[in-house]
Amino acid sequence: MVLSKRKKVTFFLANLERSVSDDHHSIEDDDDAEESVQLRHVVSPNGTKFAQNVTIDEAIIAQIDPFDGLIPDDEDFGGYDVTQFYRKSCIVVMPKNKEFGFLQDCAISGTLSVDH
């Protein structure tokens, strides 16, 4: 969907998930923790699913520290390993001329959904 004919901006709705994993029972303030941020489900405003599990760089998120101060939505304990999951809903906004590249990258990485 194009928000503005002049600026030609498109947007998607998505579920954003940050996972933090470490081999300790407490991962707070641990510089060795492995972190990843993914767009879990990316849909058009009408609900058409476009992509899933798209790994992104947290630096491209407009909100500064979007997960700061949140408690984990879920935790997974496996022996000495622990993974914490933080989830939020978000709007993905991008220039219309970047949409094809985004979808192409999703197709190449196998995260593009073809059920639409």
PDB file of N, CA and C in Angstrom:
ATOM      1  N   MET A   1       0.844  -1.173   0.000  1.00  0.00           N
ATOM      2  CA  MET A   1       0.000   0.000   0.000  1.00  0.00           C
ATOM      3  C   MET A   1       0.889   1.235   0.000  1.00  0.00           C
ATOM      4  N   VAL A   2       0.568   2.183  -0.826  1.00  0.00           N
ATOM      5  CA  VAL A   2       1.333   3.428  -0.905  1.00  0.00           C
ATOM      6  C   VAL A   2       0.661   4.463  -0.020  1.00  0.00           C
ATOM      7  N   LEU A   3       1.411   5.029   0.937  1.00  0.00           N
ATOM      8  CA  LEU A   3       0.869   6.016   1.859  1.00  0.00           C
ATOM      9  C   LEU A   3       0.777   7.392   1.243  1.00  0.00           C
ATOM     10  N   SER A   4       1.722   7.728   0.397  1.00  0.00           N
ATOM     11  CA  SER A   4       1.768   9.068  -0.171  1.00  0.00           C
ATOM     12  C   SER A   4       2.171   8.976  -1.632  1.00  0.00           C
ATOM     13  N   LYS A   5       1.409   9.625  -2.500  1.00  0.00           N
ATOM     14  CA  LYS A   5       1.754   9.593  -3.926  1.00  0.00           C
ATOM     15  C   LYS A   5       3.017  10.393  -4.199  1.00  0.00           C
ATOM     16  N   ARG A   6       3.283  11.417  -3.395  1.00  0.00           N
ATOM     17  CA  ARG A   6       4.481  12.233  -3.601  1.00  0.00           C
ATOM     18  C   ARG A   6       5.732  11.512  -3.124  1.00  0.00           C
ATOM     19  N   LYS A   7       5.668  10.906  -1.980  1.00  0.00           N
ATOM     20  CA  LYS A   7       6.855  10.268  -1.401  1.00  0.00           C
ATOM     21  C   LYS A   7       6.971   8.799  -1.792  1.00  0.00           C
ATOM     22  N   LYS A   8       5.868   8.221  -2.246  1.00  0.00           N
ATOM     23  CA  LYS A   8       5.852   6.824  -2.654  1.00  0.00           C
ATOM     24  C   LYS A   8       6.438   5.909  -1.583  1.00  0.00           C
ATOM     25  N   VAL A   9       5.781   5.909  -0.447  1.00  0.00           N
ATOM     26  CA  VAL A   9       6.180   5.076   0.683  1.00  0.00           C
ATOM     27  C   VAL A   9       5.204   3.913   0.783  1.00  0.00           C
ATOM     28  N   THR A  10       5.715   2.733   1.051  1.00  0.00           N
ATOM     29  CA  THR A  10       4.875   1.559   1.238  1.00  0.00           C
ATOM     30  C   THR A  10       5.055   1.049   2.659  1.00  0.00           C
ATOM     31  N   PHE A  11       4.082   0.307   3.138  1.00  0.00           N
ATOM     32  CA  PHE A  11       4.233  -0.241   4.480  1.00  0.00           C
ATOM     33  C   PHE A  11       3.615  -1.618   4.591  1.00  0.00           C
ATOM     34  N   PHE A  12       4.109  -2.357   5.578  1.00  0.00           N
ATOM     35  CA  PHE A  12       3.613  -3.677   5.937  1.00  0.00           C
ATOM     36  C   PHE A  12       3.410  -3.692   7.443  1.00  0.00           C
ATOM     37  N   LEU A  13       2.592  -4.599   7.914  1.00  0.00           N
ATOM     38  CA  LEU A  13       2.445  -4.846   9.341  1.00  0.00           C
ATOM     39  C   LEU A  13       3.273  -6.087   9.656  1.00  0.00           C
ATOM     40  N   ALA A  14       3.862  -6.130  10.849  1.00  0.00           N
ATOM     41  CA  ALA A  14       4.725  -7.267  11.170  1.00  0.00           C
ATOM     42  C   ALA A  14       4.766  -7.527  12.670  1.00  0.00           C
ATOM     43  N   ASN A  15       5.163  -8.745  13.000  1.00  0.00           N
ATOM     44  CA  ASN A  15       5.492  -9.113  14.372  1.00  0.00           C
ATOM     45  C   ASN A  15       7.010  -9.108  14.459  1.00  0.00           C
ATOM     46  N   LEU A  16       7.515  -8.337  15.411  1.00  0.00           N
ATOM     47  CA  LEU A  16       8.954  -8.200  15.611  1.00  0.00           C
ATOM     48  C   LEU A  16       9.345  -9.050  16.807  1.00  0.00           C
ATOM     49  N   GLU A  17      10.399  -9.852  16.648  1.00  0.00           N
ATOM     50  CA  GLU A  17      10.852 -10.702  17.751  1.00  0.00           C
ATOM     51  C   GLU A  17      12.352 -10.564  17.945  1.00  0.00           C
ATOM     52  N   ARG A  18      12.739 -10.349  19.171  1.00  0.00           N
ATOM     53  CA  ARG A  18      14.164 -10.324  19.541  1.00  0.00           C
ATOM     54  C   ARG A  18      14.411 -11.535  20.416  1.00  0.00           C
ATOM     55  N   SER A  19      15.416 -12.317  20.079  1.00  0.00           N
ATOM     56  CA  SER A  19      15.798 -13.458  20.915  1.00  0.00           C
ATOM     57  C   SER A  19      17.216 -13.238  21.426  1.00  0.00           C
ATOM     58  N   VAL A  20      17.399 -13.561  22.699  1.00  0.00           N
ATOM     59  CA  VAL A  20      18.694 -13.423  23.348  1.00  0.00           C
ATOM     60  C   VAL A  20      19.028 -14.771  23.968  1.00  0.00           C
ATOM     61  N   SER A  21      20.157 -15.369  23.556  1.00  0.00           N
ATOM     62  CA  SER A  21      20.556 -16.693  24.027  1.00  0.00           C
ATOM     63  C   SER A  21      21.921 -16.637  24.679  1.00  0.00           C
ATOM     64  N   ASP A  22      22.088 -17.444  25.715  1.00  0.00           N
ATOM     65  CA  ASP A  22      23.380 -17.550  26.378  1.00  0.00           C
ATOM     66  C   ASP A  22      23.450 -18.894  27.083  1.00  0.00           C
ATOM     67  N   ASP A  23      24.661 -19.270  27.475  1.00  0.00           N
ATOM     68  CA  ASP A  23      24.846 -20.547  28.170  1.00  0.00           C
ATOM     69  C   ASP A  23      24.902 -20.357  29.686  1.00  0.00           C
ATOM     70  N   HIS A  24      24.259 -19.318  30.170  1.00  0.00           N
ATOM     71  CA  HIS A  24      24.160 -19.061  31.601  1.00  0.00           C
ATOM     72  C   HIS A  24      22.687 -19.011  31.984  1.00  0.00           C
ATOM     73  N   HIS A  25      22.386 -19.191  33.245  1.00  0.00           N
ATOM     74  CA  HIS A  25      20.991 -19.102  33.676  1.00  0.00           C
ATOM     75  C   HIS A  25      20.512 -17.664  33.765  1.00  0.00           C
ATOM     76  N   SER A  26      21.419 -16.716  33.774  1.00  0.00           N
ATOM     77  CA  SER A  26      21.027 -15.306  33.771  1.00  0.00           C
ATOM     78  C   SER A  26      21.772 -14.621  32.639  1.00  0.00           C
ATOM     79  N   ILE A  27      21.031 -14.021  31.706  1.00  0.00           N
ATOM     80  CA  ILE A  27      21.691 -13.401  30.556  1.00  0.00           C
ATOM     81  C   ILE A  27      21.681 -11.885  30.640  1.00  0.00           C
ATOM     82  N   GLU A  28      21.227 -11.353  31.761  1.00  0.00           N
ATOM     83  CA  GLU A  28      21.241  -9.900  31.920  1.00  0.00           C
ATOM     84  C   GLU A  28      22.677  -9.411  32.015  1.00  0.00           C
ATOM     85  N   ASP A  29      22.956  -8.312  31.341  1.00  0.00           N
ATOM     86  CA  ASP A  29      24.277  -7.676  31.350  1.00  0.00           C
ATOM     87  C   ASP A  29      25.390  -8.627  30.935  1.00  0.00           C
ATOM     88  N   ASP A  30      25.117  -9.517  30.013  1.00  0.00           N
ATOM     89  CA  ASP A  30      26.118 -10.475  29.548  1.00  0.00           C
ATOM     90  C   ASP A  30      26.508 -10.107  28.123  1.00  0.00           C
ATOM     91  N   ASP A  31      27.765  -9.725  27.943  1.00  0.00           N
ATOM     92  CA  ASP A  31      28.243  -9.323  26.622  1.00  0.00           C
ATOM     93  C   ASP A  31      28.411 -10.500  25.666  1.00  0.00           C
ATOM     94  N   ASP A  32      28.409 -11.735  26.184  1.00  0.00           N
ATOM     95  CA  ASP A  32      28.587 -12.916  25.348  1.00  0.00           C
ATOM     96  C   ASP A  32      27.276 -13.449  24.786  1.00  0.00           C
ATOM     97  N   ALA A  33      26.168 -12.864  25.169  1.00  0.00           N
ATOM     98  CA  ALA A  33      24.863 -13.350  24.718  1.00  0.00           C
ATOM     99  C   ALA A  33      24.710 -13.161  23.209  1.00  0.00           C
ATOM    100  N   GLU A  34      24.075 -14.151  22.561  1.00  0.00           N
ATOM    101  CA  GLU A  34      23.783 -14.069  21.127  1.00  0.00           C
ATOM    102  C   GLU A  34      22.403 -13.462  20.960  1.00  0.00           C
ATOM    103  N   GLU A  35      22.308 -12.444  20.106  1.00  0.00           N
ATOM    104  CA  GLU A  35      21.042 -11.759  19.893  1.00  0.00           C
ATOM    105  C   GLU A  35      20.666 -11.805  18.418  1.00  0.00           C
ATOM    106  N   SER A  36      19.371 -11.893  18.158  1.00  0.00           N
ATOM    107  CA  SER A  36      18.888 -11.758  16.795  1.00  0.00           C
ATOM    108  C   SER A  36      17.532 -11.063  16.831  1.00  0.00           C
ATOM    109  N   VAL A  37      17.243 -10.340  15.760  1.00  0.00           N
ATOM    110  CA  VAL A  37      15.962  -9.657  15.620  1.00  0.00           C
ATOM    111  C   VAL A  37      15.367 -10.099  14.293  1.00  0.00           C
ATOM    112  N   GLN A  38      14.102 -10.514  14.336  1.00  0.00           N
ATOM    113  CA  GLN A  38      13.429 -11.000  13.134  1.00  0.00           C
ATOM    114  C   GLN A  38      12.048 -10.374  12.993  1.00  0.00           C
ATOM    115  N   LEU A  39      11.661 -10.185  11.742  1.00  0.00           N
ATOM    116  CA  LEU A  39      10.271  -9.905  11.421  1.00  0.00           C
ATOM    117  C   LEU A  39       9.635 -11.279  11.242  1.00  0.00           C
ATOM    118  N   ARG A  40       8.853 -11.706  12.221  1.00  0.00           N
ATOM    119  CA  ARG A  40       8.321 -13.074  12.218  1.00  0.00           C
ATOM    120  C   ARG A  40       7.236 -13.277  11.163  1.00  0.00           C
ATOM    121  N   HIS A  41       6.301 -12.369  11.070  1.00  0.00           N
ATOM    122  CA  HIS A  41       5.219 -12.447  10.087  1.00  0.00           C
ATOM    123  C   HIS A  41       5.048 -11.060   9.484  1.00  0.00           C
ATOM    124  N   VAL A  42       5.191 -10.956   8.183  1.00  0.00           N
ATOM    125  CA  VAL A  42       5.059  -9.676   7.485  1.00  0.00           C
ATOM    126  C   VAL A  42       3.830  -9.773   6.587  1.00  0.00           C
ATOM    127  N   VAL A  43       2.867  -8.864   6.810  1.00  0.00           N
ATOM    128  CA  VAL A  43       1.618  -8.897   6.046  1.00  0.00           C
ATOM    129  C   VAL A  43       1.309  -7.518   5.484  1.00  0.00           C
ATOM    130  N   SER A  44       0.532  -7.508   4.408  1.00  0.00           N
ATOM    131  CA  SER A  44       0.047  -6.249   3.845  1.00  0.00           C
ATOM    132  C   SER A  44      -1.076  -5.738   4.751  1.00  0.00           C
ATOM    133  N   PRO A  45      -1.483  -4.482   4.594  1.00  0.00           N
ATOM    134  CA  PRO A  45      -2.582  -3.962   5.423  1.00  0.00           C
ATOM    135  C   PRO A  45      -3.887  -4.759   5.280  1.00  0.00           C
ATOM    136  N   ASN A  46      -4.069  -5.462   4.152  1.00  0.00           N
ATOM    137  CA  ASN A  46      -5.281  -6.268   3.999  1.00  0.00           C
ATOM    138  C   ASN A  46      -5.105  -7.688   4.536  1.00  0.00           C
ATOM    139  N   GLY A  47      -3.943  -7.990   5.109  1.00  0.00           N
ATOM    140  CA  GLY A  47      -3.718  -9.292   5.740  1.00  0.00           C
ATOM    141  C   GLY A  47      -3.023 -10.323   4.884  1.00  0.00           C
ATOM    142  N   THR A  48      -2.624  -9.969   3.664  1.00  0.00           N
ATOM    143  CA  THR A  48      -1.909 -10.909   2.805  1.00  0.00           C
ATOM    144  C   THR A  48      -0.504 -11.115   3.339  1.00  0.00           C
ATOM    145  N   LYS A  49      -0.163 -12.365   3.619  1.00  0.00           N
ATOM    146  CA  LYS A  49       1.156 -12.688   4.176  1.00  0.00           C
ATOM    147  C   LYS A  49       2.215 -12.631   3.076  1.00  0.00           C
ATOM    148  N   PHE A  50       3.281 -11.843   3.326  1.00  0.00           N
ATOM    149  CA  PHE A  50       4.349 -11.692   2.339  1.00  0.00           C
ATOM    150  C   PHE A  50       5.623 -12.430   2.724  1.00  0.00           C
ATOM    151  N   ALA A  51       5.975 -12.398   3.989  1.00  0.00           N
ATOM    152  CA  ALA A  51       7.257 -12.980   4.390  1.00  0.00           C
ATOM    153  C   ALA A  51       7.171 -13.430   5.845  1.00  0.00           C
ATOM    154  N   GLN A  52       8.148 -14.236   6.226  1.00  0.00           N
ATOM    155  CA  GLN A  52       8.228 -14.698   7.608  1.00  0.00           C
ATOM    156  C   GLN A  52       9.685 -14.948   7.976  1.00  0.00           C
ATOM    157  N   ASN A  53       9.990 -14.763   9.248  1.00  0.00           N
ATOM    158  CA  ASN A  53      11.323 -15.041   9.801  1.00  0.00           C
ATOM    159  C   ASN A  53      12.447 -14.301   9.065  1.00  0.00           C
ATOM    160  N   VAL A  54      12.230 -13.016   8.815  1.00  0.00           N
ATOM    161  CA  VAL A  54      13.223 -12.198   8.117  1.00  0.00           C
ATOM    162  C   VAL A  54      14.158 -11.575   9.159  1.00  0.00           C
ATOM    163  N   THR A  55      15.413 -11.960   9.154  1.00  0.00           N
ATOM    164  CA  THR A  55      16.389 -11.411  10.094  1.00  0.00           C
ATOM    165  C   THR A  55      16.752  -9.992   9.664  1.00  0.00           C
ATOM    166  N   ILE A  56      16.723  -9.070  10.628  1.00  0.00           N
ATOM    167  CA  ILE A  56      17.061  -7.674  10.346  1.00  0.00           C
ATOM    168  C   ILE A  56      18.092  -7.183  11.346  1.00  0.00           C
ATOM    169  N   ASP A  57      18.728  -6.087  11.011  1.00  0.00           N
ATOM    170  CA  ASP A  57      19.662  -5.424  11.908  1.00  0.00           C
ATOM    171  C   ASP A  57      18.853  -4.481  12.803  1.00  0.00           C
ATOM    172  N   GLU A  58      19.000  -4.614  14.109  1.00  0.00           N
ATOM    173  CA  GLU A  58      18.236  -3.777  15.037  1.00  0.00           C
ATOM    174  C   GLU A  58      18.505  -2.293  14.819  1.00  0.00           C
ATOM    175  N   ALA A  59      19.634  -1.962  14.196  1.00  0.00           N
ATOM    176  CA  ALA A  59      19.989  -0.558  13.951  1.00  0.00           C
ATOM    177  C   ALA A  59      19.039   0.125  12.969  1.00  0.00           C
ATOM    178  N   ILE A  60      18.311  -0.637  12.144  1.00  0.00           N
ATOM    179  CA  ILE A  60      17.398  -0.001  11.187  1.00  0.00           C
ATOM    180  C   ILE A  60      16.040   0.326  11.796  1.00  0.00           C
ATOM    181  N   ILE A  61      15.811  -0.072  13.030  1.00  0.00           N
ATOM    182  CA  ILE A  61      14.536   0.217  13.695  1.00  0.00           C
ATOM    183  C   ILE A  61      14.536   1.677  14.135  1.00  0.00           C
ATOM    184  N   ALA A  62      13.486   2.404  13.781  1.00  0.00           N
ATOM    185  CA  ALA A  62      13.418   3.839  14.069  1.00  0.00           C
ATOM    186  C   ALA A  62      13.382   4.128  15.567  1.00  0.00           C
ATOM    187  N   GLN A  63      12.680   3.303  16.334  1.00  0.00           N
ATOM    188  CA  GLN A  63      12.602   3.514  17.781  1.00  0.00           C
ATOM    189  C   GLN A  63      13.924   3.132  18.422  1.00  0.00           C
ATOM    190  N   ILE A  64      14.451   4.005  19.271  1.00  0.00           N
ATOM    191  CA  ILE A  64      15.702   3.723  19.978  1.00  0.00           C
ATOM    192  C   ILE A  64      15.423   2.713  21.083  1.00  0.00           C
ATOM    193  N   ASP A  65      16.204   1.642  21.138  1.00  0.00           N
ATOM    194  CA  ASP A  65      16.063   0.577  22.142  1.00  0.00           C
ATOM    195  C   ASP A  65      14.616   0.114  22.293  1.00  0.00           C
ATOM    196  N   PRO A  66      14.022  -0.445  21.243  1.00  0.00           N
ATOM    197  CA  PRO A  66      12.607  -0.817  21.307  1.00  0.00           C
ATOM    198  C   PRO A  66      12.276  -1.890  22.343  1.00  0.00           C
ATOM    199  N   PHE A  67      13.268  -2.633  22.796  1.00  0.00           N
ATOM    200  CA  PHE A  67      13.010  -3.690  23.766  1.00  0.00           C
ATOM    201  C   PHE A  67      13.505  -3.342  25.166  1.00  0.00           C
ATOM    202  N   ASP A  68      14.063  -2.141  25.320  1.00  0.00           N
ATOM    203  CA  ASP A  68      14.620  -1.717  26.600  1.00  0.00           C
ATOM    204  C   ASP A  68      13.533  -1.685  27.682  1.00  0.00           C
ATOM    205  N   GLY A  69      13.813  -2.300  28.814  1.00  0.00           N
ATOM    206  CA  GLY A  69      12.901  -2.280  29.945  1.00  0.00           C
ATOM    207  C   GLY A  69      11.784  -3.299  29.900  1.00  0.00           C
ATOM    208  N   LEU A  70      11.716  -4.091  28.838  1.00  0.00           N
ATOM    209  CA  LEU A  70      10.660  -5.094  28.727  1.00  0.00           C
ATOM    210  C   LEU A  70      11.071  -6.391  29.411  1.00  0.00           C
ATOM    211  N   ILE A  71      10.105  -7.087  29.947  1.00  0.00           N
ATOM    212  CA  ILE A  71      10.369  -8.425  30.460  1.00  0.00           C
ATOM    213  C   ILE A  71      10.131  -9.403  29.319  1.00  0.00           C
ATOM    214  N   PRO A  72      10.810 -10.545  29.322  1.00  0.00           N
ATOM    215  CA  PRO A  72      10.646 -11.497  28.215  1.00  0.00           C
ATOM    216  C   PRO A  72       9.204 -11.986  28.110  1.00  0.00           C
ATOM    217  N   ASP A  73       8.740 -12.148  26.871  1.00  0.00           N
ATOM    218  CA  ASP A  73       7.424 -12.734  26.624  1.00  0.00           C
ATOM    219  C   ASP A  73       7.457 -14.246  26.780  1.00  0.00           C
ATOM    220  N   ASP A  74       8.646 -14.823  26.606  1.00  0.00           N
ATOM    221  CA  ASP A  74       8.792 -16.275  26.679  1.00  0.00           C
ATOM    222  C   ASP A  74      10.252 -16.589  26.982  1.00  0.00           C
ATOM    223  N   GLU A  75      10.495 -17.714  27.626  1.00  0.00           N
ATOM    224  CA  GLU A  75      11.857 -18.183  27.894  1.00  0.00           C
ATOM    225  C   GLU A  75      11.928 -19.663  27.580  1.00  0.00           C
ATOM    226  N   ASP A  76      13.074 -20.081  27.074  1.00  0.00           N
ATOM    227  CA  ASP A  76      13.307 -21.482  26.749  1.00  0.00           C
ATOM    228  C   ASP A  76      14.585 -21.900  27.465  1.00  0.00           C
ATOM    229  N   PHE A  77      14.467 -22.874  28.367  1.00  0.00           N
ATOM    230  CA  PHE A  77      15.623 -23.364  29.116  1.00  0.00           C
ATOM    231  C   PHE A  77      15.998 -24.737  28.590  1.00  0.00           C
ATOM    232  N   GLY A  78      17.265 -24.910  28.269  1.00  0.00           N
ATOM    233  CA  GLY A  78      17.767 -26.196  27.812  1.00  0.00           C
ATOM    234  C   GLY A  78      19.091 -26.481  28.478  1.00  0.00           C
ATOM    235  N   GLY A  79      19.070 -27.227  29.573  1.00  0.00           N
ATOM    236  CA  GLY A  79      20.302 -27.472  30.325  1.00  0.00           C
ATOM    237  C   GLY A  79      20.807 -26.170  30.916  1.00  0.00           C
ATOM    238  N   TYR A  80      22.010 -25.780  30.532  1.00  0.00           N
ATOM    239  CA  TYR A  80      22.562 -24.510  31.009  1.00  0.00           C
ATOM    240  C   TYR A  80      22.252 -23.357  30.055  1.00  0.00           C
ATOM    241  N   ASP A  81      21.645 -23.665  28.922  1.00  0.00           N
ATOM    242  CA  ASP A  81      21.313 -22.626  27.941  1.00  0.00           C
ATOM    243  C   ASP A  81      19.954 -22.007  28.254  1.00  0.00           C
ATOM    244  N   VAL A  82      19.852 -20.720  28.009  1.00  0.00           N
ATOM    245  CA  VAL A  82      18.575 -20.030  28.157  1.00  0.00           C
ATOM    246  C   VAL A  82      18.406 -19.089  26.962  1.00  0.00           C
ATOM    247  N   THR A  83      17.195 -19.047  26.424  1.00  0.00           N
ATOM    248  CA  THR A  83      16.852 -18.106  25.367  1.00  0.00           C
ATOM    249  C   THR A  83      15.619 -17.339  25.809  1.00  0.00           C
ATOM    250  N   GLN A  84      15.716 -16.026  25.725  1.00  0.00           N
ATOM    251  CA  GLN A  84      14.586 -15.172  26.065  1.00  0.00           C
ATOM    252  C   GLN A  84      14.053 -14.539  24.786  1.00  0.00           C
ATOM    253  N   PHE A  85      12.729 -14.451  24.688  1.00  0.00           N
ATOM    254  CA  PHE A  85      12.069 -13.898  23.510  1.00  0.00           C
ATOM    255  C   PHE A  85      11.267 -12.665  23.905  1.00  0.00           C
ATOM    256  N   TYR A  86      11.447 -11.604  23.141  1.00  0.00           N
ATOM    257  CA  TYR A  86      10.709 -10.358  23.315  1.00  0.00           C
ATOM    258  C   TYR A  86       9.947 -10.109  22.023  1.00  0.00           C
ATOM    259  N   ARG A  87       8.642  -9.823  22.132  1.00  0.00           N
ATOM    260  CA  ARG A  87       7.833  -9.666  20.920  1.00  0.00           C
ATOM    261  C   ARG A  87       7.046  -8.360  20.951  1.00  0.00           C
ATOM    262  N   LYS A  88       6.941  -7.744  19.765  1.00  0.00           N
ATOM    263  CA  LYS A  88       6.173  -6.514  19.588  1.00  0.00           C
ATOM    264  C   LYS A  88       5.547  -6.528  18.202  1.00  0.00           C
ATOM    265  N   SER A  89       4.486  -5.769  18.049  1.00  0.00           N
ATOM    266  CA  SER A  89       3.922  -5.527  16.722  1.00  0.00           C
ATOM    267  C   SER A  89       4.559  -4.259  16.176  1.00  0.00           C
ATOM    268  N   CYS A  90       4.682  -4.172  14.869  1.00  0.00           N
ATOM    269  CA  CYS A  90       5.321  -2.984  14.298  1.00  0.00           C
ATOM    270  C   CYS A  90       4.795  -2.714  12.891  1.00  0.00           C
ATOM    271  N   ILE A  91       5.135  -1.552  12.403  1.00  0.00           N
ATOM    272  CA  ILE A  91       4.856  -1.176  11.019  1.00  0.00           C
ATOM    273  C   ILE A  91       6.204  -1.067  10.308  1.00  0.00           C
ATOM    274  N   VAL A  92       6.335  -1.742   9.195  1.00  0.00           N
ATOM    275  CA  VAL A  92       7.537  -1.673   8.369  1.00  0.00           C
ATOM    276  C   VAL A  92       7.264  -0.632   7.290  1.00  0.00           C
ATOM    277  N   VAL A  93       8.010   0.459   7.313  1.00  0.00           N
ATOM    278  CA  VAL A  93       7.839   1.540   6.340  1.00  0.00           C
ATOM    279  C   VAL A  93       9.097   1.610   5.486  1.00  0.00           C
ATOM    280  N   MET A  94       8.901   1.653   4.172  1.00  0.00           N
ATOM    281  CA  MET A  94      10.063   1.735   3.284  1.00  0.00           C
ATOM    282  C   MET A  94       9.671   2.490   2.022  1.00  0.00           C
ATOM    283  N   PRO A  95      10.658   3.076   1.357  1.00  0.00           N
ATOM    284  CA  PRO A  95      10.372   3.710   0.070  1.00  0.00           C
ATOM    285  C   PRO A  95       9.829   2.663  -0.903  1.00  0.00           C
ATOM    286  N   LYS A  96       8.861   3.054  -1.688  1.00  0.00           N
ATOM    287  CA  LYS A  96       8.243   2.136  -2.639  1.00  0.00           C
ATOM    288  C   LYS A  96       9.287   1.505  -3.563  1.00  0.00           C
ATOM    289  N   ASN A  97      10.330   2.251  -3.910  1.00  0.00           N
ATOM    290  CA  ASN A  97      11.351   1.720  -4.823  1.00  0.00           C
ATOM    291  C   ASN A  97      12.246   0.673  -4.150  1.00  0.00           C
ATOM    292  N   LYS A  98      12.114   0.458  -2.840  1.00  0.00           N
ATOM    293  CA  LYS A  98      12.887  -0.575  -2.133  1.00  0.00           C
ATOM    294  C   LYS A  98      12.078  -1.848  -1.920  1.00  0.00           C
ATOM    295  N   GLU A  99      10.773  -1.782  -2.187  1.00  0.00           N
ATOM    296  CA  GLU A  99       9.889  -2.925  -1.929  1.00  0.00           C
ATOM    297  C   GLU A  99      10.307  -4.156  -2.725  1.00  0.00           C
ATOM    298  N   PHE A 100      10.589  -3.998  -4.019  1.00  0.00           N
ATOM    299  CA  PHE A 100      10.978  -5.139  -4.840  1.00  0.00           C
ATOM    300  C   PHE A 100      12.257  -5.784  -4.298  1.00  0.00           C
ATOM    301  N   GLY A 101      13.253  -4.973  -3.938  1.00  0.00           N
ATOM    302  CA  GLY A 101      14.501  -5.507  -3.388  1.00  0.00           C
ATOM    303  C   GLY A 101      14.274  -6.257  -2.085  1.00  0.00           C
ATOM    304  N   PHE A 102      13.394  -5.723  -1.226  1.00  0.00           N
ATOM    305  CA  PHE A 102      13.059  -6.387   0.036  1.00  0.00           C
ATOM    306  C   PHE A 102      12.436  -7.753  -0.241  1.00  0.00           C
ATOM    307  N   LEU A 103      11.456  -7.787  -1.137  1.00  0.00           N
ATOM    308  CA  LEU A 103      10.802  -9.061  -1.455  1.00  0.00           C
ATOM    309  C   LEU A 103      11.750 -10.020  -2.166  1.00  0.00           C
ATOM    310  N   GLN A 104      12.644  -9.484  -3.000  1.00  0.00           N
ATOM    311  CA  GLN A 104      13.636 -10.317  -3.673  1.00  0.00           C
ATOM    312  C   GLN A 104      14.608 -10.926  -2.654  1.00  0.00           C
ATOM    313  N   ASP A 105      15.059 -10.118  -1.694  1.00  0.00           N
ATOM    314  CA  ASP A 105      15.935 -10.635  -0.635  1.00  0.00           C
ATOM    315  C   ASP A 105      15.230 -11.727   0.168  1.00  0.00           C
ATOM    316  N   CYS A 106      13.937 -11.529   0.439  1.00  0.00           N
ATOM    317  CA  CYS A 106      13.166 -12.539   1.159  1.00  0.00           C
ATOM    318  C   CYS A 106      13.075 -13.829   0.351  1.00  0.00           C
ATOM    319  N   ALA A 107      12.892 -13.707  -0.957  1.00  0.00           N
ATOM    320  CA  ALA A 107      12.806 -14.890  -1.816  1.00  0.00           C
ATOM    321  C   ALA A 107      14.137 -15.634  -1.844  1.00  0.00           C
ATOM    322  N   ILE A 108      15.228 -14.898  -1.951  1.00  0.00           N
ATOM    323  CA  ILE A 108      16.555 -15.517  -1.996  1.00  0.00           C
ATOM    324  C   ILE A 108      16.867 -16.245  -0.695  1.00  0.00           C
ATOM    325  N   SER A 109      16.484 -15.641   0.434  1.00  0.00           N
ATOM    326  CA  SER A 109      16.792 -16.244   1.737  1.00  0.00           C
ATOM    327  C   SER A 109      15.775 -17.307   2.141  1.00  0.00           C
ATOM    328  N   GLY A 110      14.724 -17.488   1.338  1.00  0.00           N
ATOM    329  CA  GLY A 110      13.721 -18.509   1.646  1.00  0.00           C
ATOM    330  C   GLY A 110      12.689 -18.070   2.663  1.00  0.00           C
ATOM    331  N   THR A 111      12.588 -16.753   2.917  1.00  0.00           N
ATOM    332  CA  THR A 111      11.623 -16.255   3.897  1.00  0.00           C
ATOM    333  C   THR A 111      10.375 -15.669   3.254  1.00  0.00           C
ATOM    334  N   LEU A 112      10.335 -15.652   1.917  1.00  0.00           N
ATOM    335  CA  LEU A 112       9.167 -15.111   1.212  1.00  0.00           C
ATOM    336  C   LEU A 112       8.021 -16.125   1.295  1.00  0.00           C
ATOM    337  N   SER A 113       6.850 -15.641   1.630  1.00  0.00           N
ATOM    338  CA  SER A 113       5.668 -16.492   1.706  1.00  0.00           C
ATOM    339  C   SER A 113       4.987 -16.503   0.342  1.00  0.00           C
ATOM    340  N   VAL A 114       4.608 -17.670  -0.115  1.00  0.00           N
ATOM    341  CA  VAL A 114       3.949 -17.772  -1.419  1.00  0.00           C
ATOM    342  C   VAL A 114       2.497 -18.197  -1.280  1.00  0.00           C
ATOM    343  N   ASP A 115       1.905 -18.056  -0.072  1.00  0.00           N
ATOM    344  CA  ASP A 115       0.511 -18.449   0.072  1.00  0.00           C
ATOM    345  C   ASP A 115      -0.444 -17.292  -0.195  1.00  0.00           C
ATOM    346  N   HIS A 116      -0.054 -16.283  -0.916  1.00  0.00           N
ATOM    347  CA  HIS A 116      -0.999 -15.183  -1.205  1.00  0.00           C
ATOM    348  C   HIS A 116      -1.444 -15.211  -2.619  1.00  0.00           C
TER     349      HIS A 116
END
